[in-house]
N, C-alpha and C. Protein backbone atom coordinates (compact mmCIF):
# COMPACT_ATOMS: atom_id res chain seq x y z
N MET A 1 -15.75 -44.90 -39.89
CA MET A 1 -14.60 -45.48 -39.21
C MET A 1 -15.04 -46.85 -38.66
N GLY A 2 -14.18 -47.84 -38.88
CA GLY A 2 -14.49 -49.19 -38.42
C GLY A 2 -14.12 -49.41 -36.97
N VAL A 3 -14.50 -50.56 -36.49
CA VAL A 3 -14.23 -50.91 -35.09
C VAL A 3 -12.72 -51.01 -34.86
N GLU A 4 -12.01 -51.61 -35.81
CA GLU A 4 -10.57 -51.77 -35.64
C GLU A 4 -9.86 -50.41 -35.60
N ASP A 5 -10.28 -49.51 -36.46
CA ASP A 5 -9.69 -48.18 -36.47
C ASP A 5 -9.95 -47.44 -35.17
N PHE A 6 -11.16 -47.59 -34.66
CA PHE A 6 -11.50 -46.93 -33.40
C PHE A 6 -10.68 -47.50 -32.25
N ILE A 7 -10.49 -48.80 -32.22
CA ILE A 7 -9.71 -49.43 -31.15
C ILE A 7 -8.26 -48.97 -31.21
N VAL A 8 -7.70 -48.90 -32.40
CA VAL A 8 -6.32 -48.42 -32.55
C VAL A 8 -6.21 -46.96 -32.10
N GLN A 9 -7.18 -46.14 -32.48
CA GLN A 9 -7.16 -44.73 -32.09
C GLN A 9 -7.26 -44.58 -30.57
N VAL A 10 -8.16 -45.31 -29.95
CA VAL A 10 -8.34 -45.23 -28.50
C VAL A 10 -7.09 -45.73 -27.77
N THR A 11 -6.49 -46.80 -28.29
CA THR A 11 -5.27 -47.32 -27.68
C THR A 11 -4.14 -46.30 -27.76
N ASN A 12 -3.96 -45.68 -28.90
CA ASN A 12 -2.93 -44.64 -29.04
C ASN A 12 -3.18 -43.47 -28.11
N GLU A 13 -4.43 -43.03 -28.02
CA GLU A 13 -4.77 -41.93 -27.13
C GLU A 13 -4.56 -42.31 -25.67
N ALA A 14 -4.86 -43.56 -25.32
CA ALA A 14 -4.68 -44.02 -23.94
C ALA A 14 -3.20 -44.04 -23.56
N ILE A 15 -2.35 -44.48 -24.46
CA ILE A 15 -0.91 -44.50 -24.18
C ILE A 15 -0.39 -43.08 -24.04
N LEU A 16 -0.79 -42.19 -24.93
CA LEU A 16 -0.36 -40.80 -24.85
C LEU A 16 -0.88 -40.14 -23.57
N LEU A 17 -2.12 -40.42 -23.21
CA LEU A 17 -2.70 -39.86 -21.99
C LEU A 17 -1.96 -40.35 -20.76
N THR A 18 -1.58 -41.61 -20.74
CA THR A 18 -0.82 -42.16 -19.63
C THR A 18 0.52 -41.45 -19.48
N VAL A 19 1.18 -41.21 -20.57
CA VAL A 19 2.47 -40.50 -20.53
C VAL A 19 2.29 -39.07 -20.04
N VAL A 20 1.29 -38.38 -20.56
CA VAL A 20 1.08 -36.98 -20.19
C VAL A 20 0.68 -36.85 -18.72
N ILE A 21 -0.17 -37.73 -18.25
CA ILE A 21 -0.64 -37.65 -16.87
C ILE A 21 0.47 -38.00 -15.88
N SER A 22 1.32 -38.95 -16.23
CA SER A 22 2.38 -39.36 -15.30
C SER A 22 3.61 -38.45 -15.35
N MET A 23 3.72 -37.61 -16.36
CA MET A 23 4.92 -36.80 -16.53
C MET A 23 5.21 -35.84 -15.37
N PRO A 24 4.25 -35.12 -14.80
CA PRO A 24 4.59 -34.23 -13.68
C PRO A 24 5.19 -34.97 -12.48
N SER A 25 4.62 -36.11 -12.13
CA SER A 25 5.14 -36.87 -10.99
C SER A 25 6.54 -37.40 -11.27
N ILE A 26 6.75 -37.89 -12.48
CA ILE A 26 8.06 -38.43 -12.83
C ILE A 26 9.10 -37.32 -12.87
N ALA A 27 8.74 -36.16 -13.40
CA ALA A 27 9.68 -35.05 -13.47
C ALA A 27 10.07 -34.56 -12.09
N VAL A 28 9.10 -34.44 -11.18
CA VAL A 28 9.40 -34.00 -9.82
C VAL A 28 10.27 -35.04 -9.11
N SER A 29 9.95 -36.30 -9.27
CA SER A 29 10.75 -37.35 -8.65
C SER A 29 12.18 -37.35 -9.17
N LEU A 30 12.33 -37.17 -10.47
CA LEU A 30 13.66 -37.10 -11.07
C LEU A 30 14.45 -35.91 -10.55
N PHE A 31 13.81 -34.75 -10.52
CA PHE A 31 14.47 -33.53 -10.04
C PHE A 31 14.88 -33.66 -8.58
N LEU A 32 13.97 -34.12 -7.74
CA LEU A 32 14.30 -34.26 -6.32
C LEU A 32 15.36 -35.33 -6.09
N GLY A 33 15.31 -36.40 -6.86
CA GLY A 33 16.35 -37.43 -6.75
C GLY A 33 17.71 -36.89 -7.11
N LEU A 34 17.76 -36.05 -8.14
CA LEU A 34 19.03 -35.44 -8.54
C LEU A 34 19.55 -34.50 -7.46
N ILE A 35 18.68 -33.70 -6.89
CA ILE A 35 19.08 -32.77 -5.83
C ILE A 35 19.60 -33.53 -4.62
N VAL A 36 18.89 -34.56 -4.21
CA VAL A 36 19.31 -35.35 -3.04
C VAL A 36 20.62 -36.08 -3.33
N ALA A 37 20.78 -36.59 -4.54
CA ALA A 37 22.02 -37.26 -4.90
C ALA A 37 23.21 -36.30 -4.86
N LEU A 38 23.00 -35.09 -5.35
CA LEU A 38 24.07 -34.09 -5.26
C LEU A 38 24.38 -33.74 -3.81
N PHE A 39 23.35 -33.62 -2.99
CA PHE A 39 23.55 -33.34 -1.56
C PHE A 39 24.31 -34.48 -0.89
N GLN A 40 23.94 -35.72 -1.21
CA GLN A 40 24.62 -36.87 -0.62
C GLN A 40 26.07 -36.95 -1.09
N ALA A 41 26.31 -36.62 -2.34
CA ALA A 41 27.68 -36.68 -2.85
C ALA A 41 28.57 -35.61 -2.22
N THR A 42 28.00 -34.43 -1.98
CA THR A 42 28.82 -33.37 -1.40
C THR A 42 29.04 -33.57 0.10
N THR A 43 28.07 -34.12 0.79
CA THR A 43 28.22 -34.32 2.24
C THR A 43 28.70 -35.72 2.60
N GLN A 44 28.77 -36.61 1.64
CA GLN A 44 29.17 -38.01 1.82
C GLN A 44 28.27 -38.74 2.82
N ILE A 45 27.02 -38.35 2.86
CA ILE A 45 26.02 -39.07 3.64
C ILE A 45 25.42 -40.12 2.72
N GLN A 46 25.51 -41.38 3.10
CA GLN A 46 25.04 -42.45 2.23
C GLN A 46 23.82 -43.16 2.84
N GLU A 47 22.89 -42.40 3.32
CA GLU A 47 21.67 -42.96 3.89
C GLU A 47 20.66 -43.21 2.77
N GLN A 48 20.19 -44.44 2.65
CA GLN A 48 19.28 -44.81 1.57
C GLN A 48 17.92 -44.13 1.68
N THR A 49 17.42 -43.98 2.89
CA THR A 49 16.09 -43.41 3.06
C THR A 49 16.08 -41.91 2.83
N LEU A 50 17.24 -41.29 2.80
CA LEU A 50 17.31 -39.84 2.59
C LEU A 50 16.78 -39.46 1.22
N SER A 51 16.96 -40.30 0.23
CA SER A 51 16.45 -39.97 -1.10
C SER A 51 14.98 -40.34 -1.27
N PHE A 52 14.51 -41.29 -0.47
CA PHE A 52 13.13 -41.76 -0.63
C PHE A 52 12.11 -40.77 -0.10
N VAL A 53 12.34 -40.23 1.07
CA VAL A 53 11.35 -39.38 1.73
C VAL A 53 11.07 -38.08 0.96
N PRO A 54 12.09 -37.33 0.51
CA PRO A 54 11.75 -36.11 -0.26
C PRO A 54 11.02 -36.42 -1.57
N LYS A 55 11.40 -37.50 -2.25
CA LYS A 55 10.71 -37.85 -3.48
C LYS A 55 9.26 -38.23 -3.20
N MET A 56 9.03 -38.96 -2.12
CA MET A 56 7.67 -39.36 -1.77
C MET A 56 6.81 -38.13 -1.46
N ILE A 57 7.34 -37.21 -0.69
CA ILE A 57 6.60 -36.00 -0.35
C ILE A 57 6.35 -35.16 -1.60
N GLY A 58 7.36 -35.03 -2.46
CA GLY A 58 7.21 -34.25 -3.68
C GLY A 58 6.17 -34.85 -4.63
N VAL A 59 6.20 -36.17 -4.78
CA VAL A 59 5.23 -36.82 -5.67
C VAL A 59 3.82 -36.69 -5.11
N PHE A 60 3.66 -36.87 -3.80
CA PHE A 60 2.33 -36.70 -3.20
C PHE A 60 1.84 -35.26 -3.38
N ALA A 61 2.72 -34.28 -3.24
CA ALA A 61 2.32 -32.89 -3.42
C ALA A 61 1.90 -32.62 -4.86
N ILE A 62 2.64 -33.16 -5.81
CA ILE A 62 2.28 -32.97 -7.22
C ILE A 62 0.97 -33.67 -7.55
N LEU A 63 0.78 -34.87 -7.00
CA LEU A 63 -0.49 -35.57 -7.23
C LEU A 63 -1.66 -34.79 -6.64
N ALA A 64 -1.46 -34.18 -5.48
CA ALA A 64 -2.52 -33.37 -4.89
C ALA A 64 -2.78 -32.11 -5.71
N ALA A 65 -1.73 -31.52 -6.26
CA ALA A 65 -1.89 -30.30 -7.04
C ALA A 65 -2.51 -30.57 -8.41
N THR A 66 -2.15 -31.69 -9.03
CA THR A 66 -2.65 -31.99 -10.37
C THR A 66 -3.84 -32.93 -10.36
N GLY A 67 -4.32 -33.29 -9.19
CA GLY A 67 -5.45 -34.21 -9.08
C GLY A 67 -6.70 -33.77 -9.84
N PRO A 68 -7.14 -32.53 -9.68
CA PRO A 68 -8.33 -32.11 -10.44
C PRO A 68 -8.13 -32.18 -11.95
N TRP A 69 -6.97 -31.77 -12.42
CA TRP A 69 -6.69 -31.83 -13.86
C TRP A 69 -6.68 -33.27 -14.35
N VAL A 70 -6.06 -34.15 -13.58
CA VAL A 70 -6.03 -35.57 -13.95
C VAL A 70 -7.44 -36.14 -13.99
N GLY A 71 -8.26 -35.81 -13.00
CA GLY A 71 -9.64 -36.30 -12.96
C GLY A 71 -10.45 -35.84 -14.15
N VAL A 72 -10.35 -34.56 -14.47
CA VAL A 72 -11.09 -34.02 -15.61
C VAL A 72 -10.62 -34.67 -16.91
N THR A 73 -9.32 -34.85 -17.04
CA THR A 73 -8.77 -35.45 -18.26
C THR A 73 -9.22 -36.89 -18.41
N MET A 74 -9.22 -37.64 -17.32
CA MET A 74 -9.63 -39.04 -17.38
C MET A 74 -11.13 -39.17 -17.67
N VAL A 75 -11.94 -38.30 -17.08
CA VAL A 75 -13.39 -38.34 -17.34
C VAL A 75 -13.67 -37.98 -18.80
N ARG A 76 -12.95 -36.98 -19.31
CA ARG A 76 -13.12 -36.58 -20.71
C ARG A 76 -12.74 -37.73 -21.65
N PHE A 77 -11.66 -38.44 -21.32
CA PHE A 77 -11.24 -39.57 -22.15
C PHE A 77 -12.26 -40.70 -22.07
N ALA A 78 -12.79 -40.95 -20.88
CA ALA A 78 -13.81 -42.00 -20.74
C ALA A 78 -15.06 -41.65 -21.54
N GLN A 79 -15.47 -40.40 -21.50
CA GLN A 79 -16.63 -39.98 -22.28
C GLN A 79 -16.37 -40.13 -23.77
N HIS A 80 -15.16 -39.81 -24.19
CA HIS A 80 -14.79 -39.97 -25.60
C HIS A 80 -14.85 -41.44 -26.01
N CYS A 81 -14.33 -42.31 -25.16
CA CYS A 81 -14.34 -43.75 -25.46
C CYS A 81 -15.76 -44.30 -25.52
N LEU A 82 -16.54 -44.01 -24.50
CA LEU A 82 -17.91 -44.53 -24.47
C LEU A 82 -18.76 -43.95 -25.57
N GLY A 83 -18.61 -42.68 -25.85
CA GLY A 83 -19.34 -42.08 -26.95
C GLY A 83 -18.93 -42.64 -28.30
N GLY A 84 -17.64 -42.91 -28.43
CA GLY A 84 -17.16 -43.47 -29.67
C GLY A 84 -17.64 -44.89 -29.91
N PHE A 85 -17.73 -45.66 -28.84
CA PHE A 85 -18.24 -47.04 -28.99
C PHE A 85 -19.69 -47.03 -29.49
N VAL A 86 -20.47 -46.10 -28.99
CA VAL A 86 -21.87 -46.00 -29.44
C VAL A 86 -21.91 -45.65 -30.91
N GLU A 87 -21.07 -44.73 -31.35
CA GLU A 87 -21.06 -44.33 -32.76
C GLU A 87 -20.58 -45.47 -33.67
N VAL A 88 -19.59 -46.24 -33.20
CA VAL A 88 -19.05 -47.34 -34.03
C VAL A 88 -20.06 -48.46 -34.14
N ILE A 89 -20.81 -48.74 -33.08
CA ILE A 89 -21.77 -49.84 -33.09
C ILE A 89 -22.92 -49.54 -34.05
N HIS A 90 -23.36 -48.29 -34.09
CA HIS A 90 -24.51 -47.94 -34.93
C HIS A 90 -24.09 -47.67 -36.32
C-alpha cells in the first residue's frame, strides 16, 4: 500500500470516527431539544434559556458516560495511524 492510499484510508476512517463519536451527544441534544420544544409549545412559555440548560446537562451527562469509550477509541485510532505510518515508510 502506498503513502497516498494510506492517507486516504486514514482520512476516511477519521471522518467516520468523528461521526460515530459525536453521534450520542448529537442524538441526546436533538431528543431533549424536541422534548423542550413540545413542552414550550404546549405551555406557551417562550423562554430561550429553557431549551439550552436541559440540552447542556444532557450532553455533559452523555460525554461523562461515553468518555471511557471515546478515549479508548481515539487511542486505538492513534495507534493504528502511527503504526501504519511506520509500515508505509519502510
